Amino acid sequence: MNLAGIKGKVVARGDEEYEESAYQYAFSSHEELVQPAAIIYAQDDDDVIYAIKMARENNFSLAVRTGGHQYSAASSTFGNNIQLDLSRTYTDFNWEDADHTVLTLGVSIPLGKFQSKIMKKGRFVPTGQCSYVNLGGHVQSGGYGQLIRSFGLLADHVLKVRIITADGQARWVDRSIPADKPLLYAILGGSPGNFGVLTDVTLKLLRDEDHDKSRGFRAMIPYSKDALKNLLDVMVKQDLTDDTAADYDFCVTVMGGRKAENKPAAIVVFAQALGGKSKMTPYDGVYVDDEPVKISELCSHWLFPISREFQLPYYKCTYMSNSRASELQSKDWTEWVTERMDDLESKSEEHQTFLSAQFQYAGGKHSTYRTEGAKNITSLSWRDSTFGCSLDAFYNGEGLPKARAKAWTEKNTADGVGHANAVFSAQDRRLLWGSFDTNLPDQRTKYYDQAPGKYDTLSKLKVDIDPHFVFTPNTFSVGPIPDRIRNKEPHGHIAIFDHAVKHARDVLACKKGPLCLEE
């Protein structure tokens, strides 16, 4: 249904299309947090600005969604608050120079399409590995991916962004303008969607011809505990010297098996070297040829053409660590983590719990991930980390499967991070995109380094730029949480159905204008 003042489609709670429209990645695990009063499919800037005006005047919040892949439902909302969907709103794609190294594009473009278009020009930039993730939330949470050591994060290559703030004004925030640096710092890493509606991004791309000796390695092998441990041992050994060249990246992914989806368990290995100091040599009988491959083409091979690992609810946990190889070896981390994964994978069909995991090396003094992080242009935290690790458990059914998945992830956290005897990291370091909490202020020290200065700086800027908390749609938001969020119990779709239908009809009849949501 279309409401006066909004040109795009609007679906209210209680409508036939509501559940399909409200759905996003986190719905399977946080259904109670994915219950917006309505979903606005914004057609253009006018719709966005009108929604902001309504939110400001009627005391509700907007949750911004471009692709909806955030794991703890931070891109959705509940109660009287509204989902602003930008999945098809901003799709412009404009080259800014003859060399095709400066590109401005809309936040609604998925990574798969983005990579395909720039590859045709022999250009690349670091991004994540999920084809269906859209640019908006991805760039604001860093843009972690395969090229992390060689080229840093996607956010490191942002020249400027266009944002519509809570006052309804659209503006460009430019890296080269000193007065813009605080806001750009907040947008890139502060907390996605909490500072306004990002519409477009200008990126500085990298050129294939500057790395004409690049080579890559991709392999998928059947899952085995021994093979996995051997690969992780190789990864850890990269950090035995701090002088590992920056032109090398190595990532190991574990894809658990599930018979119902016809998926065998497998290990996927990605590696690339740019042809500088790093050399790719045969290991254990694996043949590696000497043919160079353009990095833009390699990037297309690093993408997974799936929207999610399993069609099941989950417990997801991503950890970073600044432990060195000697520490991890002394604590037998590779033995511990492969035992933990095998404990889940080996009983997956019996227990109906299913594994997904990923590991990546980011360390060494030459790592671009670390050197770019030291510049403090973005507010992304834990840029001095050496290793990253995601350990996810999906489960099929309430009761025992859910309890087992929960217990497995809680033990990983209890034994792996957050204390002197922790196997992986003495400090509990988490990432906004890989979050497994629903209250960001309460867990702030785990998501923001430079405590308490960075979080306090971001909170102050949040209050200054969004004094009515238009862009605080849930408790996984930076800064103060307004009473309308903190004191409201998330709706469940059954308990509030009758009220929701009446409320949706009242919205239509409201004389103050569409979607006037009075407390």
Protein backbone atom coordinates (compact mmCIF):
# COMPACT_ATOMS: atom_id res chain seq x y z
CA MET A 1 0.00 0.00 0.00
CA ASN A 2 1.18 3.54 -0.77
CA LEU A 3 0.75 6.22 1.90
CA ALA A 4 0.43 9.93 1.18
CA GLY A 5 3.84 11.57 1.12
CA ILE A 6 5.73 8.34 0.43
CA LYS A 7 6.17 7.46 -3.23
CA GLY A 8 7.61 4.02 -2.60
CA LYS A 9 5.83 0.97 -1.29
CA VAL A 10 4.88 0.82 2.40
CA VAL A 11 3.98 -2.40 4.21
CA ALA A 12 2.47 -2.08 7.70
CA ARG A 13 2.48 -4.64 10.47
CA GLY A 14 -0.57 -6.84 9.93
CA ASP A 15 -0.48 -6.63 6.14
CA GLU A 16 -0.32 -9.81 4.09
CA GLU A 17 3.21 -9.02 2.87
CA TYR A 18 4.50 -8.02 6.30
CA GLU A 19 6.55 -11.06 7.27
CA GLU A 20 8.23 -11.27 3.87
CA SER A 21 9.00 -7.54 3.94
CA ALA A 22 10.31 -7.52 7.51
CA TYR A 23 12.53 -10.55 6.90
CA GLN A 24 16.30 -10.19 6.97
CA TYR A 25 19.24 -12.44 7.86
CA ALA A 26 18.76 -12.15 11.63
CA PHE A 27 15.05 -13.02 11.55
CA SER A 28 15.74 -16.72 12.07
CA SER A 29 17.54 -16.08 15.36
CA HIS A 30 16.18 -12.74 16.60
CA GLU A 31 12.59 -12.73 15.37
CA GLU A 32 11.46 -10.58 18.30
CA LEU A 33 13.88 -7.83 17.22
CA VAL A 34 12.75 -7.91 13.57
CA GLN A 35 9.23 -6.54 14.06
CA PRO A 36 9.06 -2.98 12.65
CA ALA A 37 5.72 -1.15 12.70
CA ALA A 38 6.09 -0.71 8.95
CA ILE A 39 8.62 -1.11 6.15
CA ILE A 40 9.16 1.82 3.80
CA TYR A 41 10.73 0.91 0.46
CA ALA A 42 12.20 4.32 -0.25
CA GLN A 43 12.07 5.31 -3.90
CA ASP A 44 14.48 8.25 -3.67
CA ASP A 45 15.86 11.03 -1.46
CA ASP A 46 12.40 12.55 -1.07
CA ASP A 47 11.07 9.39 0.57
CA VAL A 48 14.07 9.18 2.89
CA ILE A 49 13.77 12.82 3.91
CA TYR A 50 10.02 12.50 4.45
CA ALA A 51 10.53 9.42 6.64
CA ILE A 52 13.13 11.29 8.68
CA LYS A 53 10.74 14.21 9.13
CA MET A 54 7.97 11.89 10.32
CA ALA A 55 10.30 10.14 12.74
CA ARG A 56 11.55 13.41 14.19
CA GLU A 57 8.07 14.91 14.59
CA ASN A 58 6.35 11.79 15.91
CA ASN A 59 9.03 10.40 18.21
CA PHE A 60 9.95 7.13 16.55
CA SER A 61 13.17 5.74 15.10
CA LEU A 62 14.29 4.51 11.69
CA ALA A 63 16.30 1.34 11.11
CA VAL A 64 18.24 1.56 7.84
CA ARG A 65 18.58 -1.59 5.75
CA THR A 66 20.42 -1.95 2.44
CA GLY A 67 20.91 -5.72 2.37
CA GLY A 68 19.91 -6.82 5.85
CA HIS A 69 22.85 -9.13 6.58
CA GLN A 70 23.65 -7.85 10.09
CA TYR A 71 23.68 -10.87 12.41
CA SER A 72 22.14 -9.47 15.62
CA ALA A 73 19.27 -7.54 13.97
CA ALA A 74 20.91 -4.13 14.25
CA SER A 75 19.48 -3.18 10.84
CA SER A 76 15.90 -3.81 11.99
CA THR A 77 13.63 -2.58 14.77
CA PHE A 78 10.43 -3.21 16.74
CA GLY A 79 7.63 -1.41 18.57
CA ASN A 80 6.42 1.77 16.87
CA ASN A 81 9.64 2.16 14.92
CA ILE A 82 10.05 1.92 11.15
CA GLN A 83 12.24 -0.08 8.78
CA LEU A 84 13.69 2.06 5.98
CA ASP A 85 14.57 -0.30 3.15
CA LEU A 86 17.15 0.92 0.61
CA SER A 87 17.72 -2.38 -1.17
CA ARG A 88 16.89 -0.83 -4.57
CA THR A 89 17.00 2.90 -3.85
CA TYR A 90 20.56 3.94 -4.65
CA THR A 91 22.02 2.08 -7.64
CA ASP A 92 23.96 4.76 -9.55
CA PHE A 93 27.38 3.71 -10.86
CA ASN A 94 29.57 6.54 -12.20
CA TRP A 95 33.24 6.59 -13.17
CA GLU A 96 34.80 9.90 -12.13
CA ASP A 97 38.04 9.80 -14.14
CA ALA A 98 39.43 8.52 -17.44
CA ASP A 99 41.73 6.06 -15.65
CA HIS A 100 38.76 4.35 -13.97
CA THR A 101 40.32 4.60 -10.53
CA VAL A 102 37.74 6.90 -8.92
CA LEU A 103 34.21 5.52 -8.74
CA THR A 104 31.00 6.83 -7.18
CA LEU A 105 28.28 4.27 -6.62
CA GLY A 106 25.08 3.78 -4.66
CA VAL A 107 24.87 1.81 -1.44
CA SER A 108 22.17 -0.53 -2.78
CA ILE A 109 24.58 -2.34 -5.11
CA PRO A 110 25.50 -5.91 -4.02
CA LEU A 111 29.15 -6.93 -3.85
CA GLY A 112 28.84 -9.52 -6.61
CA LYS A 113 27.58 -6.96 -9.12
CA PHE A 114 30.11 -4.38 -7.93
CA GLN A 115 33.05 -6.76 -8.39
CA SER A 116 31.84 -7.82 -11.82
CA LYS A 117 31.57 -4.25 -13.10
CA ILE A 118 34.96 -3.03 -11.90
CA MET A 119 36.71 -6.22 -13.09
CA LYS A 120 35.76 -5.29 -16.66
CA LYS A 121 37.99 -2.22 -16.28
CA GLY A 122 40.83 -4.13 -14.62
CA ARG A 123 40.14 -2.51 -11.26
CA PHE A 124 39.72 -3.93 -7.78
CA VAL A 125 39.36 -2.98 -4.13
CA PRO A 126 39.16 -5.10 -0.97
CA THR A 127 35.64 -6.27 -0.06
CA GLY A 128 33.94 -9.10 1.77
CA GLN A 129 33.20 -12.51 0.31
CA CYS A 130 29.39 -12.70 0.24
CA SER A 131 28.01 -11.84 -3.21
CA TYR A 132 24.63 -10.74 -1.87
CA VAL A 133 25.81 -8.26 0.77
CA ASN A 134 25.01 -4.69 -0.29
CA LEU A 135 27.54 -1.89 -0.11
CA GLY A 136 25.85 0.33 2.51
CA GLY A 137 26.24 -1.61 5.73
CA HIS A 138 29.36 -3.35 4.45
CA VAL A 139 31.45 -0.21 4.00
CA GLN A 140 30.25 1.30 7.29
CA SER A 141 31.36 -1.81 9.20
CA GLY A 142 34.74 -1.89 7.47
CA GLY A 143 34.43 -4.21 4.50
CA TYR A 144 36.47 -7.12 5.85
CA GLY A 145 37.59 -9.65 3.26
CA GLN A 146 40.30 -11.67 1.56
CA LEU A 147 42.67 -8.78 0.71
CA ILE A 148 42.98 -7.57 4.30
CA ARG A 149 46.78 -7.77 4.64
CA SER A 150 47.64 -6.62 1.12
CA PHE A 151 45.22 -3.72 0.82
CA GLY A 152 43.40 -3.23 4.12
CA LEU A 153 39.65 -2.75 4.35
CA LEU A 154 37.12 -1.34 1.90
CA ALA A 155 36.62 1.61 4.26
CA ASP A 156 40.30 2.53 3.87
CA HIS A 157 39.63 3.30 0.19
CA VAL A 158 36.70 5.68 0.74
CA LEU A 159 37.29 9.21 -0.55
CA LYS A 160 33.90 10.59 0.42
CA VAL A 161 30.36 9.54 1.26
CA ARG A 162 26.96 11.11 0.76
CA ILE A 163 24.68 11.00 3.79
CA ILE A 164 21.24 12.31 4.73
CA THR A 165 21.35 13.26 8.40
CA ALA A 166 18.59 13.57 11.01
CA ASP A 167 17.91 17.20 10.06
CA GLY A 168 16.82 15.97 6.62
CA GLN A 169 19.81 17.49 4.84
CA ALA A 170 21.90 15.61 2.27
CA ARG A 171 25.63 16.32 2.25
CA TRP A 172 28.92 14.94 1.04
CA VAL A 173 31.46 14.09 3.73
CA ASP A 174 34.92 14.34 2.19
CA ARG A 175 38.11 12.73 3.46
CA SER A 176 40.18 15.65 2.14
CA ILE A 177 38.24 18.34 4.04
CA PRO A 178 39.46 18.75 7.65
CA ALA A 179 36.04 19.84 8.93
CA ASP A 180 34.50 16.62 7.60
CA LYS A 181 36.94 14.23 9.24
CA PRO A 182 35.08 13.73 12.56
CA LEU A 183 31.85 12.72 10.83
CA LEU A 184 33.62 10.48 8.30
CA TYR A 185 35.47 8.88 11.22
CA ALA A 186 32.13 8.14 12.89
CA ILE A 187 30.37 6.86 9.76
CA LEU A 188 33.19 4.43 8.92
CA GLY A 189 33.17 2.17 11.94
CA GLY A 190 31.16 4.02 14.60
CA SER A 191 28.00 1.93 14.20
CA PRO A 192 26.33 1.41 10.81
CA GLY A 193 23.15 3.38 10.25
CA ASN A 194 23.34 5.29 13.54
CA PHE A 195 24.58 8.60 12.09
CA GLY A 196 22.24 8.93 9.12
CA VAL A 197 21.26 7.39 5.81
CA LEU A 198 24.28 6.65 3.63
CA THR A 199 23.30 6.96 -0.04
CA ASP A 200 26.50 6.96 -2.13
CA VAL A 201 30.21 6.27 -1.74
CA THR A 202 33.21 7.48 -3.75
CA LEU A 203 36.05 4.95 -3.78
CA LYS A 204 39.67 5.06 -4.88
CA LEU A 205 40.16 1.81 -6.79
CA LEU A 206 43.35 -0.15 -7.40
CA ARG A 207 44.79 -1.14 -10.81
CA ASP A 208 45.61 -4.63 -12.05
CA GLU A 209 48.52 -3.31 -14.07
CA ASP A 210 50.31 -2.18 -10.91
CA HIS A 211 50.48 -5.82 -9.75
CA ASP A 212 51.20 -7.76 -12.94
CA LYS A 213 52.77 -10.74 -11.17
CA SER A 214 49.84 -11.54 -8.91
CA ARG A 215 48.86 -15.16 -8.44
CA GLY A 216 46.17 -16.94 -6.49
CA PHE A 217 45.33 -20.32 -5.05
CA ARG A 218 41.84 -21.67 -4.37
CA ALA A 219 41.06 -25.20 -3.27
CA MET A 220 38.14 -27.08 -1.77
CA ILE A 221 38.94 -30.33 0.01
CA PRO A 222 36.81 -32.77 2.02
CA TYR A 223 36.65 -31.86 5.68
CA SER A 224 39.00 -33.64 8.03
CA LYS A 225 40.22 -32.57 11.44
CA ASP A 226 43.86 -33.34 10.59
CA ALA A 227 43.79 -31.36 7.34
CA LEU A 228 42.20 -28.42 9.11
CA LYS A 229 44.80 -28.41 11.87
CA ASN A 230 47.64 -28.59 9.34
CA LEU A 231 46.25 -25.58 7.47
CA LEU A 232 45.84 -23.55 10.66
CA ASP A 233 49.38 -24.48 11.71
CA VAL A 234 50.61 -23.06 8.39
CA MET A 235 48.63 -19.88 9.05
CA VAL A 236 50.02 -19.42 12.56
CA LYS A 237 53.59 -19.91 11.32
CA GLN A 238 53.18 -16.85 9.07
CA ASP A 239 53.46 -14.81 12.25
CA LEU A 240 56.69 -16.30 13.56
CA THR A 241 58.39 -13.29 12.02
CA ASP A 242 57.05 -9.75 12.14
CA ASP A 243 58.56 -9.18 8.70
CA THR A 244 56.08 -11.20 6.60
CA ALA A 245 55.58 -9.29 3.36
CA ALA A 246 52.37 -7.29 2.99
CA ASP A 247 51.68 -8.73 -0.46
CA TYR A 248 50.32 -12.03 0.84
CA ASP A 249 46.88 -13.11 2.13
CA PHE A 250 45.70 -16.44 3.47
CA CYS A 251 42.17 -17.46 4.52
CA VAL A 252 40.70 -20.81 5.58
CA THR A 253 36.94 -21.43 5.58
CA VAL A 254 35.15 -24.46 7.02
CA MET A 255 31.77 -25.30 5.51
CA GLY A 256 30.03 -27.84 7.69
CA GLY A 257 27.95 -30.58 6.13
CA ARG A 258 24.18 -31.07 6.24
CA LYS A 259 22.40 -33.95 4.52
CA ALA A 260 19.06 -32.13 4.30
CA GLU A 261 20.70 -29.49 2.09
CA ASN A 262 22.90 -32.02 0.26
CA LYS A 263 26.03 -30.32 1.58
CA PRO A 264 29.15 -32.36 2.34
CA ALA A 265 31.56 -30.89 4.88
CA ALA A 266 34.48 -29.13 3.21
CA ILE A 267 37.47 -26.89 3.79
CA VAL A 268 38.06 -23.99 1.41
CA VAL A 269 41.49 -22.39 1.11
CA PHE A 270 42.12 -18.98 -0.45
CA ALA A 271 45.58 -17.48 -0.88
CA GLN A 272 47.17 -14.90 -3.12
CA ALA A 273 50.55 -13.27 -3.56
CA LEU A 274 51.19 -10.09 -5.51
CA GLY A 275 54.55 -11.09 -6.91
CA GLY A 276 56.71 -9.09 -4.54
CA LYS A 277 58.62 -10.70 -1.70
CA SER A 278 56.06 -13.45 -1.09
CA LYS A 279 56.36 -16.70 -3.02
CA MET A 280 53.75 -19.41 -3.47
CA THR A 281 55.40 -22.83 -3.42
CA PRO A 282 54.01 -26.39 -3.63
CA TYR A 283 53.09 -27.97 -0.31
CA ASP A 284 52.45 -31.66 0.35
CA GLY A 285 52.26 -32.56 -3.32
CA VAL A 286 49.91 -29.77 -4.40
CA TYR A 287 50.75 -28.50 -7.89
CA VAL A 288 50.96 -24.71 -8.23
CA ASP A 289 51.69 -23.24 -11.67
CA ASP A 290 53.53 -20.00 -12.33
CA GLU A 291 50.89 -18.22 -14.39
CA PRO A 292 49.99 -14.73 -13.12
CA VAL A 293 46.31 -13.90 -12.74
CA LYS A 294 44.90 -10.39 -12.54
CA ILE A 295 43.84 -9.43 -9.03
CA SER A 296 40.44 -8.25 -10.25
CA GLU A 297 39.86 -11.77 -11.55
CA LEU A 298 41.13 -13.31 -8.33
CA CYS A 299 38.64 -11.18 -6.40
CA SER A 300 35.81 -12.74 -8.36
CA HIS A 301 36.99 -16.17 -7.19
CA TRP A 302 37.00 -15.12 -3.53
CA LEU A 303 33.23 -14.46 -3.56
CA PHE A 304 30.76 -17.04 -2.24
CA PRO A 305 27.59 -17.12 -4.39
CA ILE A 306 25.30 -17.83 -1.42
CA SER A 307 23.13 -15.58 0.75
CA ARG A 308 23.67 -17.58 3.97
CA GLU A 309 25.49 -20.69 5.11
CA PHE A 310 22.44 -22.72 6.21
CA GLN A 311 18.71 -22.02 6.13
CA LEU A 312 18.63 -22.27 9.92
CA PRO A 313 18.85 -20.10 13.05
CA TYR A 314 22.30 -19.65 14.55
CA TYR A 315 24.72 -18.42 17.18
CA LYS A 316 27.45 -16.42 15.45
CA CYS A 317 30.72 -15.33 17.06
CA THR A 318 33.60 -13.45 15.43
CA TYR A 319 36.73 -12.78 17.45
CA MET A 320 39.95 -10.86 16.75
CA SER A 321 43.26 -11.45 18.50
CA ASN A 322 46.59 -9.68 18.80
CA SER A 323 48.32 -12.83 20.05
CA ARG A 324 51.57 -13.68 18.32
CA ALA A 325 52.38 -17.08 16.84
CA SER A 326 54.55 -18.04 19.82
CA GLU A 327 51.63 -17.46 22.21
CA LEU A 328 49.17 -19.43 20.11
CA GLN A 329 51.64 -22.28 19.74
CA SER A 330 52.40 -22.38 23.47
CA LYS A 331 48.67 -22.66 24.22
CA ASP A 332 48.04 -25.23 21.45
CA TRP A 333 45.40 -23.00 19.92
CA THR A 334 45.20 -24.90 16.62
CA GLU A 335 44.64 -28.16 18.51
CA TRP A 336 42.00 -26.56 20.73
CA VAL A 337 40.07 -24.86 17.93
CA THR A 338 40.06 -27.91 15.64
CA GLU A 339 38.82 -30.02 18.56
CA ARG A 340 36.04 -27.49 19.16
CA MET A 341 34.99 -27.54 15.51
CA ASP A 342 35.20 -31.30 15.22
CA ASP A 343 33.06 -31.65 18.33
CA LEU A 344 30.26 -29.86 16.47
CA GLU A 345 30.86 -31.25 12.97
CA SER A 346 31.28 -34.90 13.92
CA LYS A 347 27.89 -34.94 15.68
CA SER A 348 26.07 -32.59 13.33
CA GLU A 349 23.40 -34.99 12.08
CA GLU A 350 22.88 -36.61 15.47
CA HIS A 351 22.61 -33.29 17.33
CA GLN A 352 21.20 -31.20 14.45
CA THR A 353 23.87 -28.54 14.99
CA PHE A 354 25.93 -27.38 12.01
CA LEU A 355 29.31 -25.70 11.70
CA SER A 356 30.53 -22.67 9.78
CA ALA A 357 33.94 -21.15 10.50
CA GLN A 358 36.58 -18.90 8.99
CA PHE A 359 40.15 -17.94 9.87
CA GLN A 360 42.39 -15.21 8.51
CA TYR A 361 45.87 -13.87 9.13
CA ALA A 362 46.21 -10.09 9.42
CA GLY A 363 49.51 -9.64 11.25
CA GLY A 364 53.05 -8.49 10.65
CA LYS A 365 54.45 -4.97 10.73
CA HIS A 366 53.90 -4.58 6.97
CA SER A 367 50.22 -5.57 7.05
CA THR A 368 48.13 -2.87 5.36
CA TYR A 369 45.28 -3.73 7.72
CA ARG A 370 47.48 -2.56 10.58
CA THR A 371 49.30 0.35 8.93
CA GLU A 372 46.06 1.89 7.62
CA GLY A 373 44.42 1.40 10.99
CA ALA A 374 47.18 3.36 12.69
CA LYS A 375 46.16 6.45 10.70
CA ASN A 376 42.85 6.70 12.65
CA ILE A 377 40.89 7.95 9.64
CA THR A 378 38.11 5.48 10.47
CA SER A 379 36.80 4.48 13.90
CA LEU A 380 37.12 0.76 13.14
CA SER A 381 38.62 -0.98 16.14
CA TRP A 382 41.22 -3.67 16.79
CA ARG A 383 43.40 -2.74 13.81
CA ASP A 384 46.49 -4.06 15.62
CA SER A 385 45.11 -7.61 15.47
CA THR A 386 47.09 -10.51 14.05
CA PHE A 387 44.36 -13.12 13.51
CA GLY A 388 40.61 -13.25 12.98
CA CYS A 389 38.35 -16.18 13.78
CA SER A 390 34.63 -16.82 13.24
CA LEU A 391 33.01 -19.83 14.92
CA ASP A 392 29.31 -20.18 14.09
CA ALA A 393 26.79 -22.82 15.10
CA PHE A 394 23.49 -23.25 13.24
CA TYR A 395 20.77 -25.41 14.75
CA ASN A 396 17.67 -27.20 13.52
CA GLY A 397 14.92 -26.93 16.12
CA GLU A 398 14.26 -25.52 19.55
CA GLY A 399 15.08 -27.53 22.65
CA LEU A 400 18.23 -29.65 22.55
CA PRO A 401 19.64 -28.48 19.18
CA LYS A 402 19.42 -24.83 20.23
CA ALA A 403 20.76 -25.56 23.71
CA ARG A 404 23.73 -27.48 22.28
CA ALA A 405 24.59 -24.71 19.81
CA LYS A 406 24.36 -22.11 22.56
CA ALA A 407 26.51 -24.13 24.96
CA TRP A 408 29.11 -24.72 22.23
CA THR A 409 29.48 -21.03 21.43
CA GLU A 410 29.51 -20.00 25.09
CA LYS A 411 32.33 -22.43 25.82
CA ASN A 412 34.30 -21.09 22.85
CA THR A 413 34.02 -17.60 24.29
CA ALA A 414 34.72 -18.67 27.88
CA ASP A 415 37.84 -20.66 27.00
CA GLY A 416 39.01 -18.71 23.98
CA VAL A 417 38.95 -15.00 24.83
CA GLY A 418 38.84 -12.40 27.57
CA HIS A 419 41.32 -13.50 30.26
CA ALA A 420 45.01 -14.25 30.79
CA ASN A 421 44.61 -17.98 30.23
CA ALA A 422 42.42 -17.60 27.13
CA VAL A 423 43.59 -19.79 24.26
CA PHE A 424 43.04 -17.27 21.44
CA SER A 425 43.06 -13.75 22.88
CA ALA A 426 43.55 -12.32 26.37
CA GLN A 427 41.28 -9.45 25.32
CA ASP A 428 37.71 -10.03 24.14
CA ARG A 429 37.74 -8.29 20.75
CA ARG A 430 34.54 -8.28 18.68
CA LEU A 431 33.49 -6.69 15.39
CA LEU A 432 30.26 -4.84 14.65
CA TRP A 433 29.55 -6.91 11.52
CA GLY A 434 30.19 -10.18 13.35
CA SER A 435 28.36 -9.16 16.49
CA PHE A 436 26.65 -11.63 18.78
CA ASP A 437 25.25 -9.15 21.30
CA THR A 438 22.06 -7.11 21.21
CA ASN A 439 23.06 -4.30 23.60
CA LEU A 440 26.01 -2.31 22.29
CA PRO A 441 26.46 0.23 25.13
CA ASP A 442 26.57 -2.56 27.72
CA GLN A 443 29.26 -4.40 25.73
CA ARG A 444 31.11 -1.34 24.42
CA THR A 445 34.58 -2.35 25.62
CA LYS A 446 34.43 -5.47 23.45
CA TYR A 447 33.62 -3.54 20.25
CA TYR A 448 35.63 -0.31 20.66
CA ASP A 449 39.32 0.04 21.42
CA GLN A 450 41.03 3.12 22.89
CA ALA A 451 38.58 2.85 25.82
CA PRO A 452 36.85 4.94 26.93
CA GLY A 453 37.90 7.75 24.58
CA LYS A 454 36.73 6.39 21.22
CA TYR A 455 33.27 5.33 22.37
CA ASP A 456 32.72 8.59 24.26
CA THR A 457 33.78 10.62 21.22
CA LEU A 458 31.38 8.71 18.98
CA SER A 459 28.56 9.05 21.51
CA LYS A 460 28.99 12.81 21.71
CA LEU A 461 29.00 13.15 17.94
CA LYS A 462 25.91 10.94 17.76
CA VAL A 463 24.01 13.22 20.17
CA ASP A 464 25.14 16.33 18.31
CA ILE A 465 24.13 15.09 14.86
CA ASP A 466 21.01 13.14 15.89
CA PRO A 467 19.59 14.80 19.04
CA HIS A 468 16.17 13.17 18.61
CA PHE A 469 17.71 9.69 18.13
CA VAL A 470 16.01 9.18 14.79
CA PHE A 471 18.69 6.62 13.93
CA THR A 472 18.68 4.68 17.21
CA PRO A 473 16.25 1.87 16.31
CA ASN A 474 17.42 -0.75 18.82
CA THR A 475 19.83 -1.29 21.69
CA PHE A 476 22.67 -2.33 19.37
CA SER A 477 23.33 1.36 18.70
CA VAL A 478 26.11 3.71 19.73
CA GLY A 479 25.40 6.40 22.31
CA PRO A 480 22.45 6.91 24.67
CA ILE A 481 19.43 4.67 24.12
CA PRO A 482 16.10 6.57 24.28
CA ASP A 483 13.29 5.34 26.51
CA ARG A 484 11.13 4.45 23.52
CA ILE A 485 13.71 1.79 22.68
CA ARG A 486 15.04 0.78 26.10
CA ASN A 487 11.63 0.58 27.79
CA LYS A 488 9.69 -1.08 24.98
CA GLU A 489 9.42 -4.84 24.88
CA PRO A 490 9.94 -6.12 21.31
CA HIS A 491 6.69 -7.23 19.76
CA GLY A 492 6.04 -10.84 18.84
CA HIS A 493 4.02 -11.27 15.67
CA ILE A 494 1.33 -13.45 17.29
CA ALA A 495 0.76 -11.57 20.54
CA ILE A 496 0.33 -8.19 18.89
CA PHE A 497 -1.48 -9.17 15.70
CA ASP A 498 -4.87 -7.64 16.54
CA HIS A 499 -3.28 -4.48 17.89
CA ALA A 500 -1.00 -4.28 14.85
CA VAL A 501 -3.88 -4.38 12.39
CA LYS A 502 -5.72 -1.65 14.29
CA HIS A 503 -2.53 0.41 14.55
CA ALA A 504 -1.85 0.12 10.82
CA ARG A 505 -5.38 1.31 10.07
CA ASP A 506 -5.03 4.18 12.56
CA VAL A 507 -1.86 5.23 10.78
CA LEU A 508 -3.77 5.53 7.52
CA ALA A 509 -6.46 7.67 9.15
CA CYS A 510 -4.14 9.92 11.16
CA LYS A 511 -4.87 13.56 10.38
CA LYS A 512 -1.32 14.63 11.21
CA GLY A 513 -0.06 12.70 8.21
CA PRO A 514 0.91 9.14 7.38
CA LEU A 515 2.71 7.07 9.96
CA CYS A 516 2.14 9.45 12.86
CA LEU A 517 3.05 7.13 15.70
CA GLU A 518 2.16 8.76 18.96
CA GLU A 519 3.21 7.09 22.18
